[in-house]
Amino acid sequence: GLKKDALRGWRRRMQMVFQDPYSSLNPRLTAGQIITEPVENFERLSRRQRQALAADLLRKVGMSPEMMHRLPSELSGGQRQRLGIARA
């Protein structure tokens, strides 16, 4: 297997995309928090940088940056799927 350092490098570049968008997203976090959660584990970014990253990733999956303040329960199934892809 890979050594810990090599494995950590791979984990920075990949994330799981779960099939069920209804049970795979934390219902207590906003879309912006869901997107930036993996980044917080590997990089030190300011709050402003994390918000800019979340807005950019939402745009890349065809969602409005205003969606970053919504909870998963306020999103459609397709929007939840795109949120999961943006998170990855």
PDB file of N, CA and C in Angstrom:
ATOM      1  N   GLY A   1       0.803  -1.182   0.000  1.00  0.00           N
ATOM      2  CA  GLY A   1       0.000   0.000   0.000  1.00  0.00           C
ATOM      3  C   GLY A   1       0.853   1.255   0.000  1.00  0.00           C
ATOM      4  N   LEU A   2       0.207   2.350  -0.056  1.00  0.00           N
ATOM      5  CA  LEU A   2       0.881   3.648  -0.043  1.00  0.00           C
ATOM      6  C   LEU A   2       1.282   4.034   1.378  1.00  0.00           C
ATOM      7  N   LYS A   3       2.378   4.761   1.481  1.00  0.00           N
ATOM      8  CA  LYS A   3       2.781   5.294   2.776  1.00  0.00           C
ATOM      9  C   LYS A   3       1.853   6.439   3.140  1.00  0.00           C
ATOM     10  N   LYS A   4       1.816   6.789   4.430  1.00  0.00           N
ATOM     11  CA  LYS A   4       0.876   7.804   4.903  1.00  0.00           C
ATOM     12  C   LYS A   4       1.003   9.128   4.163  1.00  0.00           C
ATOM     13  N   ASP A   5       2.232   9.588   3.926  1.00  0.00           N
ATOM     14  CA  ASP A   5       2.423  10.870   3.236  1.00  0.00           C
ATOM     15  C   ASP A   5       1.883  10.828   1.806  1.00  0.00           C
ATOM     16  N   ALA A   6       2.136   9.738   1.109  1.00  0.00           N
ATOM     17  CA  ALA A   6       1.659   9.599  -0.265  1.00  0.00           C
ATOM     18  C   ALA A   6       0.135   9.507  -0.296  1.00  0.00           C
ATOM     19  N   LEU A   7      -0.423   8.786   0.650  1.00  0.00           N
ATOM     20  CA  LEU A   7      -1.875   8.641   0.727  1.00  0.00           C
ATOM     21  C   LEU A   7      -2.531   9.988   1.025  1.00  0.00           C
ATOM     22  N   ARG A   8      -1.940  10.761   1.911  1.00  0.00           N
ATOM     23  CA  ARG A   8      -2.491  12.088   2.230  1.00  0.00           C
ATOM     24  C   ARG A   8      -2.494  12.978   0.977  1.00  0.00           C
ATOM     25  N   GLY A   9      -1.454  12.884   0.170  1.00  0.00           N
ATOM     26  CA  GLY A   9      -1.409  13.649  -1.074  1.00  0.00           C
ATOM     27  C   GLY A   9      -2.537  13.284  -2.017  1.00  0.00           C
ATOM     28  N   TRP A  10      -2.851  12.012  -2.108  1.00  0.00           N
ATOM     29  CA  TRP A  10      -3.961  11.565  -2.962  1.00  0.00           C
ATOM     30  C   TRP A  10      -5.295  12.041  -2.413  1.00  0.00           C
ATOM     31  N   ARG A  11      -5.447  11.993  -1.106  1.00  0.00           N
ATOM     32  CA  ARG A  11      -6.713  12.393  -0.495  1.00  0.00           C
ATOM     33  C   ARG A  11      -7.016  13.872  -0.715  1.00  0.00           C
ATOM     34  N   ARG A  12      -5.995  14.681  -0.884  1.00  0.00           N
ATOM     35  CA  ARG A  12      -6.211  16.104  -1.168  1.00  0.00           C
ATOM     36  C   ARG A  12      -6.895  16.299  -2.513  1.00  0.00           C
ATOM     37  N   ARG A  13      -6.630  15.407  -3.439  1.00  0.00           N
ATOM     38  CA  ARG A  13      -7.109  15.585  -4.811  1.00  0.00           C
ATOM     39  C   ARG A  13      -8.387  14.812  -5.143  1.00  0.00           C
ATOM     40  N   MET A  14      -8.863  13.984  -4.252  1.00  0.00           N
ATOM     41  CA  MET A  14     -10.067  13.224  -4.572  1.00  0.00           C
ATOM     42  C   MET A  14     -10.996  13.110  -3.369  1.00  0.00           C
ATOM     43  N   GLN A  15     -12.257  13.026  -3.668  1.00  0.00           N
ATOM     44  CA  GLN A  15     -13.295  12.852  -2.665  1.00  0.00           C
ATOM     45  C   GLN A  15     -14.338  11.891  -3.218  1.00  0.00           C
ATOM     46  N   MET A  16     -15.074  11.286  -2.324  1.00  0.00           N
ATOM     47  CA  MET A  16     -16.159  10.405  -2.727  1.00  0.00           C
ATOM     48  C   MET A  16     -17.351  11.237  -3.207  1.00  0.00           C
ATOM     49  N   VAL A  17     -18.044  10.739  -4.217  1.00  0.00           N
ATOM     50  CA  VAL A  17     -19.322  11.315  -4.639  1.00  0.00           C
ATOM     51  C   VAL A  17     -20.347  10.226  -4.383  1.00  0.00           C
ATOM     52  N   PHE A  18     -21.162  10.424  -3.360  1.00  0.00           N
ATOM     53  CA  PHE A  18     -22.131   9.407  -2.971  1.00  0.00           C
ATOM     54  C   PHE A  18     -23.340   9.443  -3.890  1.00  0.00           C
ATOM     55  N   GLN A  19     -23.926   8.294  -4.101  1.00  0.00           N
ATOM     56  CA  GLN A  19     -25.011   8.161  -5.064  1.00  0.00           C
ATOM     57  C   GLN A  19     -26.301   8.815  -4.586  1.00  0.00           C
ATOM     58  N   ASP A  20     -26.604   8.712  -3.298  1.00  0.00           N
ATOM     59  CA  ASP A  20     -27.868   9.234  -2.779  1.00  0.00           C
ATOM     60  C   ASP A  20     -27.680  10.655  -2.249  1.00  0.00           C
ATOM     61  N   PRO A  21     -28.152  11.659  -2.980  1.00  0.00           N
ATOM     62  CA  PRO A  21     -27.936  13.040  -2.542  1.00  0.00           C
ATOM     63  C   PRO A  21     -28.773  13.434  -1.325  1.00  0.00           C
ATOM     64  N   TYR A  22     -29.759  12.621  -0.967  1.00  0.00           N
ATOM     65  CA  TYR A  22     -30.609  12.958   0.171  1.00  0.00           C
ATOM     66  C   TYR A  22     -29.979  12.563   1.500  1.00  0.00           C
ATOM     67  N   SER A  23     -29.243  11.474   1.528  1.00  0.00           N
ATOM     68  CA  SER A  23     -28.656  11.037   2.791  1.00  0.00           C
ATOM     69  C   SER A  23     -27.165  11.328   2.897  1.00  0.00           C
ATOM     70  N   SER A  24     -26.543  11.807   1.834  1.00  0.00           N
ATOM     71  CA  SER A  24     -25.097  12.004   1.860  1.00  0.00           C
ATOM     72  C   SER A  24     -24.664  13.397   2.299  1.00  0.00           C
ATOM     73  N   LEU A  25     -25.612  14.328   2.432  1.00  0.00           N
ATOM     74  CA  LEU A  25     -25.271  15.692   2.824  1.00  0.00           C
ATOM     75  C   LEU A  25     -25.735  15.963   4.253  1.00  0.00           C
ATOM     76  N   ASN A  26     -24.890  16.603   5.036  1.00  0.00           N
ATOM     77  CA  ASN A  26     -25.231  16.940   6.418  1.00  0.00           C
ATOM     78  C   ASN A  26     -26.358  17.967   6.414  1.00  0.00           C
ATOM     79  N   PRO A  27     -27.519  17.633   6.987  1.00  0.00           N
ATOM     80  CA  PRO A  27     -28.665  18.533   6.931  1.00  0.00           C
ATOM     81  C   PRO A  27     -28.501  19.793   7.769  1.00  0.00           C
ATOM     82  N   ARG A  28     -27.508  19.825   8.640  1.00  0.00           N
ATOM     83  CA  ARG A  28     -27.314  20.984   9.526  1.00  0.00           C
ATOM     84  C   ARG A  28     -26.327  22.012   8.968  1.00  0.00           C
ATOM     85  N   LEU A  29     -25.648  21.658   7.883  1.00  0.00           N
ATOM     86  CA  LEU A  29     -24.677  22.568   7.279  1.00  0.00           C
ATOM     87  C   LEU A  29     -25.267  23.229   6.044  1.00  0.00           C
ATOM     88  N   THR A  30     -24.864  24.466   5.782  1.00  0.00           N
ATOM     89  CA  THR A  30     -25.287  25.146   4.555  1.00  0.00           C
ATOM     90  C   THR A  30     -24.497  24.574   3.383  1.00  0.00           C
ATOM     91  N   ALA A  31     -24.947  24.886   2.186  1.00  0.00           N
ATOM     92  CA  ALA A  31     -24.258  24.408   0.987  1.00  0.00           C
ATOM     93  C   ALA A  31     -22.799  24.876   0.974  1.00  0.00           C
ATOM     94  N   GLY A  32     -22.563  26.112   1.370  1.00  0.00           N
ATOM     95  CA  GLY A  32     -21.199  26.633   1.416  1.00  0.00           C
ATOM     96  C   GLY A  32     -20.323  25.873   2.395  1.00  0.00           C
ATOM     97  N   GLN A  33     -20.879  25.541   3.550  1.00  0.00           N
ATOM     98  CA  GLN A  33     -20.124  24.776   4.545  1.00  0.00           C
ATOM     99  C   GLN A  33     -19.844  23.359   4.051  1.00  0.00           C
ATOM    100  N   ILE A  34     -20.803  22.772   3.363  1.00  0.00           N
ATOM    101  CA  ILE A  34     -20.621  21.425   2.830  1.00  0.00           C
ATOM    102  C   ILE A  34     -19.493  21.402   1.810  1.00  0.00           C
ATOM    103  N   ILE A  35     -19.454  22.410   0.947  1.00  0.00           N
ATOM    104  CA  ILE A  35     -18.421  22.470  -0.088  1.00  0.00           C
ATOM    105  C   ILE A  35     -17.040  22.683   0.515  1.00  0.00           C
ATOM    106  N   THR A  36     -16.939  23.545   1.510  1.00  0.00           N
ATOM    107  CA  THR A  36     -15.618  23.887   2.043  1.00  0.00           C
ATOM    108  C   THR A  36     -15.143  22.949   3.140  1.00  0.00           C
ATOM    109  N   GLU A  37     -15.981  22.052   3.608  1.00  0.00           N
ATOM    110  CA  GLU A  37     -15.580  21.123   4.672  1.00  0.00           C
ATOM    111  C   GLU A  37     -14.334  20.305   4.317  1.00  0.00           C
ATOM    112  N   PRO A  38     -14.246  19.703   3.133  1.00  0.00           N
ATOM    113  CA  PRO A  38     -13.019  18.950   2.811  1.00  0.00           C
ATOM    114  C   PRO A  38     -11.777  19.836   2.728  1.00  0.00           C
ATOM    115  N   VAL A  39     -11.947  21.065   2.264  1.00  0.00           N
ATOM    116  CA  VAL A  39     -10.821  21.990   2.136  1.00  0.00           C
ATOM    117  C   VAL A  39     -10.248  22.327   3.507  1.00  0.00           C
ATOM    118  N   GLU A  40     -11.118  22.460   4.495  1.00  0.00           N
ATOM    119  CA  GLU A  40     -10.671  22.797   5.847  1.00  0.00           C
ATOM    120  C   GLU A  40      -9.759  21.725   6.425  1.00  0.00           C
ATOM    121  N   ASN A  41      -9.912  20.493   5.965  1.00  0.00           N
ATOM    122  CA  ASN A  41      -9.083  19.403   6.470  1.00  0.00           C
ATOM    123  C   ASN A  41      -7.668  19.429   5.913  1.00  0.00           C
ATOM    124  N   PHE A  42      -7.465  20.072   4.766  1.00  0.00           N
ATOM    125  CA  PHE A  42      -6.166  20.000   4.102  1.00  0.00           C
ATOM    126  C   PHE A  42      -5.490  21.343   3.873  1.00  0.00           C
ATOM    127  N   GLU A  43      -6.232  22.427   3.875  1.00  0.00           N
ATOM    128  CA  GLU A  43      -5.647  23.725   3.559  1.00  0.00           C
ATOM    129  C   GLU A  43      -6.077  24.762   4.586  1.00  0.00           C
ATOM    130  N   ARG A  44      -5.234  25.734   4.793  1.00  0.00           N
ATOM    131  CA  ARG A  44      -5.538  26.845   5.689  1.00  0.00           C
ATOM    132  C   ARG A  44      -5.975  28.042   4.842  1.00  0.00           C
ATOM    133  N   LEU A  45      -7.276  28.253   4.789  1.00  0.00           N
ATOM    134  CA  LEU A  45      -7.821  29.383   4.037  1.00  0.00           C
ATOM    135  C   LEU A  45      -8.612  30.272   4.982  1.00  0.00           C
ATOM    136  N   SER A  46      -8.617  31.553   4.703  1.00  0.00           N
ATOM    137  CA  SER A  46      -9.424  32.474   5.497  1.00  0.00           C
ATOM    138  C   SER A  46     -10.905  32.239   5.177  1.00  0.00           C
ATOM    139  N   ARG A  47     -11.745  32.794   5.998  1.00  0.00           N
ATOM    140  CA  ARG A  47     -13.192  32.652   5.778  1.00  0.00           C
ATOM    141  C   ARG A  47     -13.581  33.232   4.418  1.00  0.00           C
ATOM    142  N   ARG A  48     -13.007  34.368   4.077  1.00  0.00           N
ATOM    143  CA  ARG A  48     -13.302  35.021   2.798  1.00  0.00           C
ATOM    144  C   ARG A  48     -12.847  34.147   1.631  1.00  0.00           C
ATOM    145  N   GLN A  49     -11.683  33.522   1.750  1.00  0.00           N
ATOM    146  CA  GLN A  49     -11.177  32.638   0.700  1.00  0.00           C
ATOM    147  C   GLN A  49     -12.073  31.407   0.546  1.00  0.00           C
ATOM    148  N   ARG A  50     -12.543  30.859   1.672  1.00  0.00           N
ATOM    149  CA  ARG A  50     -13.439  29.695   1.601  1.00  0.00           C
ATOM    150  C   ARG A  50     -14.757  30.068   0.932  1.00  0.00           C
ATOM    151  N   GLN A  51     -15.291  31.254   1.238  1.00  0.00           N
ATOM    152  CA  GLN A  51     -16.541  31.698   0.603  1.00  0.00           C
ATOM    153  C   GLN A  51     -16.357  31.899  -0.893  1.00  0.00           C
ATOM    154  N   ALA A  52     -15.224  32.476  -1.286  1.00  0.00           N
ATOM    155  CA  ALA A  52     -14.939  32.672  -2.717  1.00  0.00           C
ATOM    156  C   ALA A  52     -14.808  31.328  -3.421  1.00  0.00           C
ATOM    157  N   LEU A  53     -14.162  30.371  -2.761  1.00  0.00           N
ATOM    158  CA  LEU A  53     -14.020  29.027  -3.322  1.00  0.00           C
ATOM    159  C   LEU A  53     -15.389  28.375  -3.493  1.00  0.00           C
ATOM    160  N   ALA A  54     -16.231  28.469  -2.467  1.00  0.00           N
ATOM    161  CA  ALA A  54     -17.570  27.879  -2.530  1.00  0.00           C
ATOM    162  C   ALA A  54     -18.377  28.502  -3.677  1.00  0.00           C
ATOM    163  N   ALA A  55     -18.323  29.820  -3.811  1.00  0.00           N
ATOM    164  CA  ALA A  55     -19.053  30.502  -4.888  1.00  0.00           C
ATOM    165  C   ALA A  55     -18.552  30.039  -6.252  1.00  0.00           C
ATOM    166  N   ASP A  56     -17.246  29.922  -6.405  1.00  0.00           N
ATOM    167  CA  ASP A  56     -16.663  29.476  -7.672  1.00  0.00           C
ATOM    168  C   ASP A  56     -17.081  28.046  -8.001  1.00  0.00           C
ATOM    169  N   LEU A  57     -17.042  27.161  -7.010  1.00  0.00           N
ATOM    170  CA  LEU A  57     -17.412  25.764  -7.253  1.00  0.00           C
ATOM    171  C   LEU A  57     -18.894  25.635  -7.577  1.00  0.00           C
ATOM    172  N   LEU A  58     -19.732  26.426  -6.918  1.00  0.00           N
ATOM    173  CA  LEU A  58     -21.161  26.407  -7.249  1.00  0.00           C
ATOM    174  C   LEU A  58     -21.393  26.849  -8.692  1.00  0.00           C
ATOM    175  N   ARG A  59     -20.698  27.887  -9.117  1.00  0.00           N
ATOM    176  CA  ARG A  59     -20.820  28.336 -10.513  1.00  0.00           C
ATOM    177  C   ARG A  59     -20.399  27.232 -11.480  1.00  0.00           C
ATOM    178  N   LYS A  60     -19.337  26.523 -11.147  1.00  0.00           N
ATOM    179  CA  LYS A  60     -18.824  25.477 -12.035  1.00  0.00           C
ATOM    180  C   LYS A  60     -19.812  24.337 -12.235  1.00  0.00           C
ATOM    181  N   VAL A  61     -20.694  24.107 -11.245  1.00  0.00           N
ATOM    182  CA  VAL A  61     -21.702  23.049 -11.397  1.00  0.00           C
ATOM    183  C   VAL A  61     -23.063  23.613 -11.797  1.00  0.00           C
ATOM    184  N   GLY A  62     -23.075  24.890 -12.222  1.00  0.00           N
ATOM    185  CA  GLY A  62     -24.311  25.487 -12.736  1.00  0.00           C
ATOM    186  C   GLY A  62     -25.276  25.988 -11.693  1.00  0.00           C
ATOM    187  N   MET A  63     -24.790  26.304 -10.514  1.00  0.00           N
ATOM    188  CA  MET A  63     -25.646  26.826  -9.454  1.00  0.00           C
ATOM    189  C   MET A  63     -25.249  28.263  -9.128  1.00  0.00           C
ATOM    190  N   SER A  64     -26.198  29.034  -8.651  1.00  0.00           N
ATOM    191  CA  SER A  64     -25.950  30.417  -8.262  1.00  0.00           C
ATOM    192  C   SER A  64     -25.172  30.456  -6.944  1.00  0.00           C
ATOM    193  N   PRO A  65     -24.210  31.369  -6.809  1.00  0.00           N
ATOM    194  CA  PRO A  65     -23.485  31.502  -5.542  1.00  0.00           C
ATOM    195  C   PRO A  65     -24.399  31.832  -4.358  1.00  0.00           C
ATOM    196  N   GLU A  66     -25.567  32.410  -4.617  1.00  0.00           N
ATOM    197  CA  GLU A  66     -26.503  32.698  -3.529  1.00  0.00           C
ATOM    198  C   GLU A  66     -26.992  31.416  -2.834  1.00  0.00           C
ATOM    199  N   MET A  67     -26.844  30.287  -3.521  1.00  0.00           N
ATOM    200  CA  MET A  67     -27.283  29.005  -2.961  1.00  0.00           C
ATOM    201  C   MET A  67     -26.396  28.563  -1.791  1.00  0.00           C
ATOM    202  N   MET A  68     -25.244  29.195  -1.611  1.00  0.00           N
ATOM    203  CA  MET A  68     -24.318  28.729  -0.588  1.00  0.00           C
ATOM    204  C   MET A  68     -24.868  28.907   0.826  1.00  0.00           C
ATOM    205  N   HIS A  69     -25.903  29.719   0.990  1.00  0.00           N
ATOM    206  CA  HIS A  69     -26.479  29.951   2.312  1.00  0.00           C
ATOM    207  C   HIS A  69     -27.687  29.054   2.595  1.00  0.00           C
ATOM    208  N   ARG A  70     -28.014  28.195   1.656  1.00  0.00           N
ATOM    209  CA  ARG A  70     -29.178  27.314   1.825  1.00  0.00           C
ATOM    210  C   ARG A  70     -28.788  25.977   2.444  1.00  0.00           C
ATOM    211  N   LEU A  71     -29.747  25.400   3.141  1.00  0.00           N
ATOM    212  CA  LEU A  71     -29.584  24.061   3.698  1.00  0.00           C
ATOM    213  C   LEU A  71     -29.958  23.031   2.635  1.00  0.00           C
ATOM    214  N   PRO A  72     -29.460  21.805   2.748  1.00  0.00           N
ATOM    215  CA  PRO A  72     -29.814  20.778   1.766  1.00  0.00           C
ATOM    216  C   PRO A  72     -31.328  20.580   1.614  1.00  0.00           C
ATOM    217  N   SER A  73     -32.072  20.734   2.700  1.00  0.00           N
ATOM    218  CA  SER A  73     -33.527  20.548   2.628  1.00  0.00           C
ATOM    219  C   SER A  73     -34.202  21.602   1.756  1.00  0.00           C
ATOM    220  N   GLU A  74     -33.501  22.689   1.469  1.00  0.00           N
ATOM    221  CA  GLU A  74     -34.043  23.757   0.626  1.00  0.00           C
ATOM    222  C   GLU A  74     -33.649  23.607  -0.836  1.00  0.00           C
ATOM    223  N   LEU A  75     -32.963  22.525  -1.168  1.00  0.00           N
ATOM    224  CA  LEU A  75     -32.498  22.286  -2.527  1.00  0.00           C
ATOM    225  C   LEU A  75     -33.245  21.108  -3.152  1.00  0.00           C
ATOM    226  N   SER A  76     -33.374  21.119  -4.459  1.00  0.00           N
ATOM    227  CA  SER A  76     -33.995  19.993  -5.167  1.00  0.00           C
ATOM    228  C   SER A  76     -33.009  18.828  -5.215  1.00  0.00           C
ATOM    229  N   GLY A  77     -33.477  17.694  -5.650  1.00  0.00           N
ATOM    230  CA  GLY A  77     -32.605  16.519  -5.761  1.00  0.00           C
ATOM    231  C   GLY A  77     -31.443  16.752  -6.715  1.00  0.00           C
ATOM    232  N   GLY A  78     -31.711  17.391  -7.852  1.00  0.00           N
ATOM    233  CA  GLY A  78     -30.653  17.681  -8.814  1.00  0.00           C
ATOM    234  C   GLY A  78     -29.638  18.673  -8.267  1.00  0.00           C
ATOM    235  N   GLN A  79     -30.130  19.664  -7.515  1.00  0.00           N
ATOM    236  CA  GLN A  79     -29.219  20.628  -6.900  1.00  0.00           C
ATOM    237  C   GLN A  79     -28.354  19.949  -5.841  1.00  0.00           C
ATOM    238  N   ARG A  80     -28.933  19.012  -5.124  1.00  0.00           N
ATOM    239  CA  ARG A  80     -28.156  18.262  -4.125  1.00  0.00           C
ATOM    240  C   ARG A  80     -27.073  17.430  -4.795  1.00  0.00           C
ATOM    241  N   GLN A  81     -27.395  16.831  -5.931  1.00  0.00           N
ATOM    242  CA  GLN A  81     -26.387  16.068  -6.665  1.00  0.00           C
ATOM    243  C   GLN A  81     -25.243  16.968  -7.103  1.00  0.00           C
ATOM    244  N   ARG A  82     -25.573  18.132  -7.622  1.00  0.00           N
ATOM    245  CA  ARG A  82     -24.531  19.068  -8.058  1.00  0.00           C
ATOM    246  C   ARG A  82     -23.708  19.576  -6.879  1.00  0.00           C
ATOM    247  N   LEU A  83     -24.357  19.743  -5.734  1.00  0.00           N
ATOM    248  CA  LEU A  83     -23.641  20.151  -4.528  1.00  0.00           C
ATOM    249  C   LEU A  83     -22.626  19.076  -4.128  1.00  0.00           C
ATOM    250  N   GLY A  84     -23.028  17.806  -4.206  1.00  0.00           N
ATOM    251  CA  GLY A  84     -22.105  16.705  -3.913  1.00  0.00           C
ATOM    252  C   GLY A  84     -20.928  16.679  -4.870  1.00  0.00           C
ATOM    253  N   ILE A  85     -21.177  16.993  -6.126  1.00  0.00           N
ATOM    254  CA  ILE A  85     -20.096  17.037  -7.123  1.00  0.00           C
ATOM    255  C   ILE A  85     -19.176  18.221  -6.839  1.00  0.00           C
ATOM    256  N   ALA A  86     -19.751  19.359  -6.488  1.00  0.00           N
ATOM    257  CA  ALA A  86     -18.931  20.537  -6.160  1.00  0.00           C
ATOM    258  C   ALA A  86     -18.061  20.261  -4.939  1.00  0.00           C
ATOM    259  N   ARG A  87     -18.583  19.518  -3.997  1.00  0.00           N
ATOM    260  CA  ARG A  87     -17.833  19.183  -2.782  1.00  0.00           C
ATOM    261  C   ARG A  87     -16.632  18.310  -3.097  1.00  0.00           C
ATOM    262  N   ALA A  88     -16.805  17.421  -4.061  1.00  0.00           N
ATOM    263  CA  ALA A  88     -15.713  16.500  -4.416  1.00  0.00           C
ATOM    264  C   ALA A  88     -14.606  17.242  -5.119  1.00  0.00           C
TER     265      ALA A  88
END
